[in-house]
């Protein structure tokens, strides 16, 4: 895999995380810290491995934004 491809994927991953951070109104650093903790929990790892649900992150973030805008009206 070329370094260019790795960089493109890293930027895309960061942009997705940033959208999630904005939608949740949670600092990106906190999301990363929480993810690191979850990645160490055997029960969470097992749940993740047995899950076959395909999650569309963009759709999920958009839904959160819509729900938040409804709450603030």
N, C-alpha and C. Protein backbone atom coordinates (compact mmCIF):
# COMPACT_ATOMS: atom_id res chain seq x y z
N UNK A 1 0.85 -1.17 0.00
CA UNK A 1 0.00 0.00 0.00
C UNK A 1 0.90 1.24 0.00
N UNK A 2 0.59 2.16 -0.88
CA UNK A 2 1.43 3.35 -0.96
C UNK A 2 1.15 4.28 0.21
N UNK A 3 2.12 5.13 0.52
CA UNK A 3 1.97 6.08 1.62
C UNK A 3 0.84 7.06 1.31
N UNK A 4 0.66 7.38 0.03
CA UNK A 4 -0.43 8.29 -0.36
C UNK A 4 -1.79 7.73 0.03
N UNK A 5 -1.97 6.46 -0.22
CA UNK A 5 -3.23 5.80 0.11
C UNK A 5 -3.46 5.79 1.61
N UNK A 6 -2.42 5.52 2.36
CA UNK A 6 -2.52 5.53 3.83
C UNK A 6 -2.92 6.92 4.31
N UNK A 7 -2.29 7.95 3.76
CA UNK A 7 -2.61 9.32 4.16
C UNK A 7 -4.06 9.66 3.82
N UNK A 8 -4.52 9.27 2.65
CA UNK A 8 -5.92 9.55 2.25
C UNK A 8 -6.89 8.89 3.22
N UNK A 9 -6.62 7.64 3.58
CA UNK A 9 -7.50 6.93 4.51
C UNK A 9 -7.47 7.59 5.88
N UNK A 10 -6.30 8.01 6.32
CA UNK A 10 -6.17 8.66 7.62
C UNK A 10 -6.95 9.96 7.65
N UNK A 11 -6.87 10.76 6.60
CA UNK A 11 -7.61 12.01 6.52
C UNK A 11 -9.10 11.74 6.50
N UNK A 12 -9.53 10.74 5.74
CA UNK A 12 -10.96 10.41 5.67
C UNK A 12 -11.46 9.95 7.04
N UNK A 13 -10.67 9.13 7.73
CA UNK A 13 -11.06 8.68 9.07
C UNK A 13 -11.17 9.86 10.03
N UNK A 14 -10.20 10.77 9.95
CA UNK A 14 -10.22 11.94 10.82
C UNK A 14 -11.45 12.81 10.54
N UNK A 15 -11.76 12.99 9.26
CA UNK A 15 -12.93 13.80 8.90
C UNK A 15 -14.22 13.18 9.43
N UNK A 16 -14.32 11.86 9.35
CA UNK A 16 -15.50 11.18 9.89
C UNK A 16 -15.57 11.36 11.41
N UNK A 17 -14.45 11.21 12.07
CA UNK A 17 -14.43 11.41 13.52
C UNK A 17 -14.80 12.84 13.88
N UNK A 18 -14.34 13.79 13.09
CA UNK A 18 -14.65 15.18 13.36
C UNK A 18 -16.15 15.44 13.21
N UNK A 19 -16.78 14.82 12.20
CA UNK A 19 -18.25 14.96 12.02
C UNK A 19 -18.99 14.36 13.21
N UNK A 20 -18.53 13.22 13.69
CA UNK A 20 -19.15 12.60 14.85
C UNK A 20 -18.98 13.51 16.07
N UNK A 21 -17.79 14.05 16.24
CA UNK A 21 -17.50 14.95 17.35
C UNK A 21 -18.44 16.15 17.32
N UNK A 22 -18.62 16.73 16.16
CA UNK A 22 -19.52 17.88 16.01
C UNK A 22 -20.96 17.49 16.31
N UNK A 23 -21.39 16.36 15.77
CA UNK A 23 -22.77 15.93 15.97
C UNK A 23 -23.06 15.64 17.44
N UNK A 24 -22.08 15.07 18.13
CA UNK A 24 -22.27 14.72 19.54
C UNK A 24 -21.93 15.88 20.49
N UNK A 25 -21.38 16.94 19.91
CA UNK A 25 -20.92 18.08 20.72
C UNK A 25 -19.97 17.60 21.82
N UNK A 26 -19.06 16.75 21.40
CA UNK A 26 -18.07 16.16 22.31
C UNK A 26 -16.69 16.38 21.70
N UNK A 27 -15.73 16.82 22.50
CA UNK A 27 -14.39 17.01 21.94
C UNK A 27 -13.84 15.72 21.33
N UNK A 28 -13.18 15.87 20.21
CA UNK A 28 -12.61 14.71 19.53
C UNK A 28 -11.66 13.95 20.43
N UNK A 29 -10.89 14.65 21.22
CA UNK A 29 -9.95 14.00 22.14
C UNK A 29 -10.69 13.08 23.11
N UNK A 30 -11.87 13.48 23.56
CA UNK A 30 -12.65 12.65 24.48
C UNK A 30 -13.17 11.40 23.78
N UNK A 31 -13.62 11.55 22.53
CA UNK A 31 -14.10 10.40 21.77
C UNK A 31 -12.96 9.40 21.58
N UNK A 32 -11.78 9.89 21.27
CA UNK A 32 -10.62 9.01 21.07
C UNK A 32 -10.25 8.31 22.38
N UNK A 33 -10.25 9.06 23.47
CA UNK A 33 -9.92 8.47 24.78
C UNK A 33 -10.93 7.39 25.15
N UNK A 34 -12.22 7.68 24.93
CA UNK A 34 -13.26 6.69 25.22
C UNK A 34 -13.09 5.44 24.35
N UNK A 35 -12.77 5.63 23.08
CA UNK A 35 -12.58 4.50 22.17
C UNK A 35 -11.41 3.64 22.61
N UNK A 36 -10.35 4.29 23.07
CA UNK A 36 -9.18 3.53 23.55
C UNK A 36 -9.55 2.68 24.76
N UNK A 37 -10.34 3.24 25.65
CA UNK A 37 -10.76 2.47 26.83
C UNK A 37 -11.66 1.30 26.43
N UNK A 38 -12.61 1.57 25.51
CA UNK A 38 -13.50 0.50 25.06
C UNK A 38 -12.72 -0.62 24.37
N UNK A 39 -11.66 -0.26 23.68
CA UNK A 39 -10.89 -1.27 22.94
C UNK A 39 -10.13 -2.21 23.87
N UNK A 40 -10.07 -1.88 25.15
CA UNK A 40 -9.39 -2.73 26.12
C UNK A 40 -10.36 -3.63 26.90
N UNK A 41 -11.66 -3.39 26.74
CA UNK A 41 -12.67 -4.13 27.49
C UNK A 41 -13.04 -5.42 26.75
N UNK A 42 -12.73 -6.58 27.33
CA UNK A 42 -13.01 -7.85 26.65
C UNK A 42 -14.47 -8.03 26.26
N UNK A 43 -15.38 -7.56 27.09
CA UNK A 43 -16.81 -7.70 26.78
C UNK A 43 -17.18 -6.86 25.56
N UNK A 44 -16.67 -5.64 25.50
CA UNK A 44 -16.95 -4.78 24.34
C UNK A 44 -16.32 -5.35 23.07
N UNK A 45 -15.14 -5.92 23.20
CA UNK A 45 -14.48 -6.52 22.05
C UNK A 45 -15.32 -7.69 21.54
N UNK A 46 -15.80 -8.51 22.43
CA UNK A 46 -16.63 -9.65 22.05
C UNK A 46 -17.92 -9.19 21.38
N UNK A 47 -18.56 -8.18 21.97
CA UNK A 47 -19.78 -7.65 21.37
C UNK A 47 -19.52 -7.14 19.95
N UNK A 48 -18.41 -6.44 19.77
CA UNK A 48 -18.07 -5.91 18.46
C UNK A 48 -17.82 -7.04 17.46
N UNK A 49 -17.08 -8.05 17.89
CA UNK A 49 -16.74 -9.15 16.99
C UNK A 49 -17.96 -9.96 16.58
N UNK A 50 -18.95 -10.06 17.44
CA UNK A 50 -20.13 -10.86 17.10
C UNK A 50 -21.18 -10.04 16.36
N UNK A 51 -21.01 -8.73 16.33
CA UNK A 51 -21.96 -7.87 15.64
C UNK A 51 -21.71 -7.91 14.14
N UNK A 52 -22.77 -8.04 13.38
CA UNK A 52 -22.65 -8.02 11.92
C UNK A 52 -23.38 -6.83 11.33
N UNK A 53 -23.72 -5.88 12.18
CA UNK A 53 -24.43 -4.70 11.73
C UNK A 53 -23.49 -3.77 10.97
N UNK A 54 -23.93 -3.35 9.79
CA UNK A 54 -23.16 -2.42 8.98
C UNK A 54 -23.65 -1.01 9.29
N UNK A 55 -22.80 -0.21 9.90
CA UNK A 55 -23.20 1.12 10.34
C UNK A 55 -22.69 2.18 9.36
N UNK A 56 -23.63 3.01 8.90
CA UNK A 56 -23.27 4.13 8.03
C UNK A 56 -23.04 5.33 8.94
N UNK A 57 -21.79 5.68 9.17
CA UNK A 57 -21.43 6.74 10.11
C UNK A 57 -22.02 8.08 9.70
N UNK A 58 -21.97 8.40 8.41
CA UNK A 58 -22.50 9.68 7.96
C UNK A 58 -24.00 9.78 8.22
N UNK A 59 -24.73 8.72 7.92
CA UNK A 59 -26.17 8.71 8.15
C UNK A 59 -26.47 8.84 9.65
N UNK A 60 -25.68 8.16 10.46
CA UNK A 60 -25.86 8.20 11.91
C UNK A 60 -25.61 9.61 12.44
N UNK A 61 -24.53 10.25 11.97
CA UNK A 61 -24.20 11.61 12.42
C UNK A 61 -25.28 12.59 11.98
N UNK A 62 -25.79 12.42 10.76
CA UNK A 62 -26.88 13.29 10.27
C UNK A 62 -28.13 13.14 11.13
N UNK A 63 -28.42 11.92 11.53
CA UNK A 63 -29.60 11.68 12.37
C UNK A 63 -29.46 12.37 13.72
N UNK A 64 -28.27 12.32 14.28
CA UNK A 64 -28.01 12.98 15.56
C UNK A 64 -28.19 14.49 15.41
N UNK A 65 -27.68 15.05 14.32
CA UNK A 65 -27.83 16.49 14.09
C UNK A 65 -29.31 16.87 14.01
N UNK A 66 -30.10 16.07 13.30
CA UNK A 66 -31.54 16.34 13.16
C UNK A 66 -32.22 16.28 14.52
N UNK A 67 -31.90 15.25 15.29
CA UNK A 67 -32.50 15.11 16.62
C UNK A 67 -32.12 16.28 17.52
N UNK A 68 -30.88 16.73 17.44
CA UNK A 68 -30.44 17.85 18.25
C UNK A 68 -31.13 19.15 17.82
N UNK A 69 -31.34 19.33 16.52
CA UNK A 69 -32.00 20.56 16.07
C UNK A 69 -33.47 20.57 16.49
N UNK A 70 -34.08 19.40 16.56
CA UNK A 70 -35.47 19.31 17.02
C UNK A 70 -35.55 19.67 18.51
N UNK A 71 -34.57 19.20 19.29
CA UNK A 71 -34.55 19.47 20.72
C UNK A 71 -34.37 20.95 21.02
N UNK A 72 -33.63 21.66 20.17
CA UNK A 72 -33.34 23.06 20.43
C UNK A 72 -34.39 24.01 19.89
N UNK A 73 -35.41 23.51 19.25
CA UNK A 73 -36.47 24.37 18.71
C UNK A 73 -37.41 24.81 19.80
